[in-house]
Protein backbone atom coordinates (compact mmCIF):
# COMPACT_ATOMS: atom_id res chain seq x y z
CA MET A 1 7.00 20.20 57.16
CA PRO A 2 7.76 23.75 55.66
CA LEU A 3 5.24 25.49 53.71
CA PRO A 4 5.22 24.67 49.96
CA ASN A 5 6.64 27.05 47.37
CA SER A 6 4.13 25.73 44.78
CA TYR A 7 0.84 27.40 44.22
CA VAL A 8 -2.40 27.00 42.14
CA LEU A 9 -4.17 29.88 40.30
CA LYS A 10 -7.59 28.56 41.40
CA PRO A 11 -7.32 28.08 45.11
CA SER A 12 -11.20 27.86 45.17
CA SER A 13 -10.72 24.53 43.15
CA ILE A 14 -8.75 22.68 45.78
CA PRO A 15 -11.61 21.04 47.53
CA ALA A 16 -12.64 19.72 44.02
CA TYR A 17 -9.20 18.47 43.14
CA PHE A 18 -9.08 16.51 46.34
CA ASP A 19 -12.66 15.25 46.03
CA ALA A 20 -11.72 13.90 42.43
CA ILE A 21 -8.61 12.25 43.51
CA LEU A 22 -10.50 10.53 46.46
CA ASP A 23 -13.24 9.22 43.75
CA ALA A 24 -10.45 7.91 41.47
CA GLN A 25 -8.12 4.95 41.66
CA ALA A 26 -4.29 5.85 42.25
CA PRO A 27 -2.51 6.02 38.89
CA GLU A 28 0.75 4.69 38.11
CA ARG A 29 1.90 8.14 37.51
CA PHE A 30 -0.13 11.40 38.23
CA SER A 31 0.12 13.30 34.93
CA TYR A 32 -1.46 16.03 33.01
CA LYS A 33 -3.46 13.25 31.24
CA PHE A 34 -4.73 11.91 34.52
CA LEU A 35 -5.63 15.34 35.74
CA GLU A 36 -7.55 15.84 32.47
CA ASN A 37 -9.35 12.49 33.01
CA LEU A 38 -10.46 13.83 36.30
CA GLY A 39 -12.15 16.76 34.47
CA PHE A 40 -9.53 19.42 35.16
CA THR A 41 -8.61 20.43 31.50
CA SER A 42 -7.31 23.93 32.11
CA THR A 43 -3.62 24.72 31.88
CA ASN A 44 -3.97 26.39 35.26
CA ASP A 45 -5.04 22.98 36.74
CA ARG A 46 -1.66 21.55 36.01
CA LEU A 47 -0.03 23.55 38.79
CA LEU A 48 -1.73 21.08 41.21
CA ILE A 49 0.81 18.57 40.31
CA GLY A 50 3.67 20.64 41.64
CA LEU A 51 1.77 21.40 44.90
CA LEU A 52 1.07 17.53 45.30
CA LYS A 53 4.80 16.95 44.72
CA GLU A 54 5.80 19.48 47.55
CA LEU A 55 3.27 18.14 49.98
CA GLY A 56 4.71 14.65 49.70
CA PHE A 57 1.88 12.91 47.84
CA LEU A 58 3.90 12.40 44.65
CA ASN A 59 7.55 11.85 44.00
CA ALA A 60 9.57 14.02 41.37
CA ASP A 61 8.31 11.67 38.46
CA GLY A 62 4.63 11.77 39.52
CA THR A 63 4.48 8.45 41.14
CA PRO A 64 2.10 8.50 44.06
CA GLN A 65 3.89 8.10 47.43
CA GLN A 66 2.61 6.64 50.83
CA ARG A 67 0.95 9.87 51.79
CA TYR A 68 -1.23 9.75 48.54
CA PHE A 69 -2.37 6.23 49.47
CA GLU A 70 -3.11 7.16 53.01
CA PHE A 71 -5.21 10.01 51.73
CA LEU A 72 -7.26 7.60 49.59
CA ASP A 73 -8.07 5.85 52.87
CA ARG A 74 -11.32 7.83 53.63
CA SER A 75 -10.83 7.14 57.24
CA GLN A 76 -7.49 9.18 57.15
CA SER A 77 -8.16 11.65 54.28
CA LYS A 78 -9.39 14.50 56.56
CA GLN A 79 -6.20 14.48 58.42
């Protein structure tokens, strides 16, 4: 997998993003609203969605993909 072109402006928040995703149920569509419901209300946090798409967690319309569900399995999430 090539390195993603997307970025986040708050790289120190990446562990918090993934911890919040682990603690929540997978949405039908990962949107800005879902991100706000996780507690990330800054417009800077929205860049996470692009990163998740490039990493294969979400498809182009924000629907969680197999990789997202594999991540939610705590026995596999660290991989």
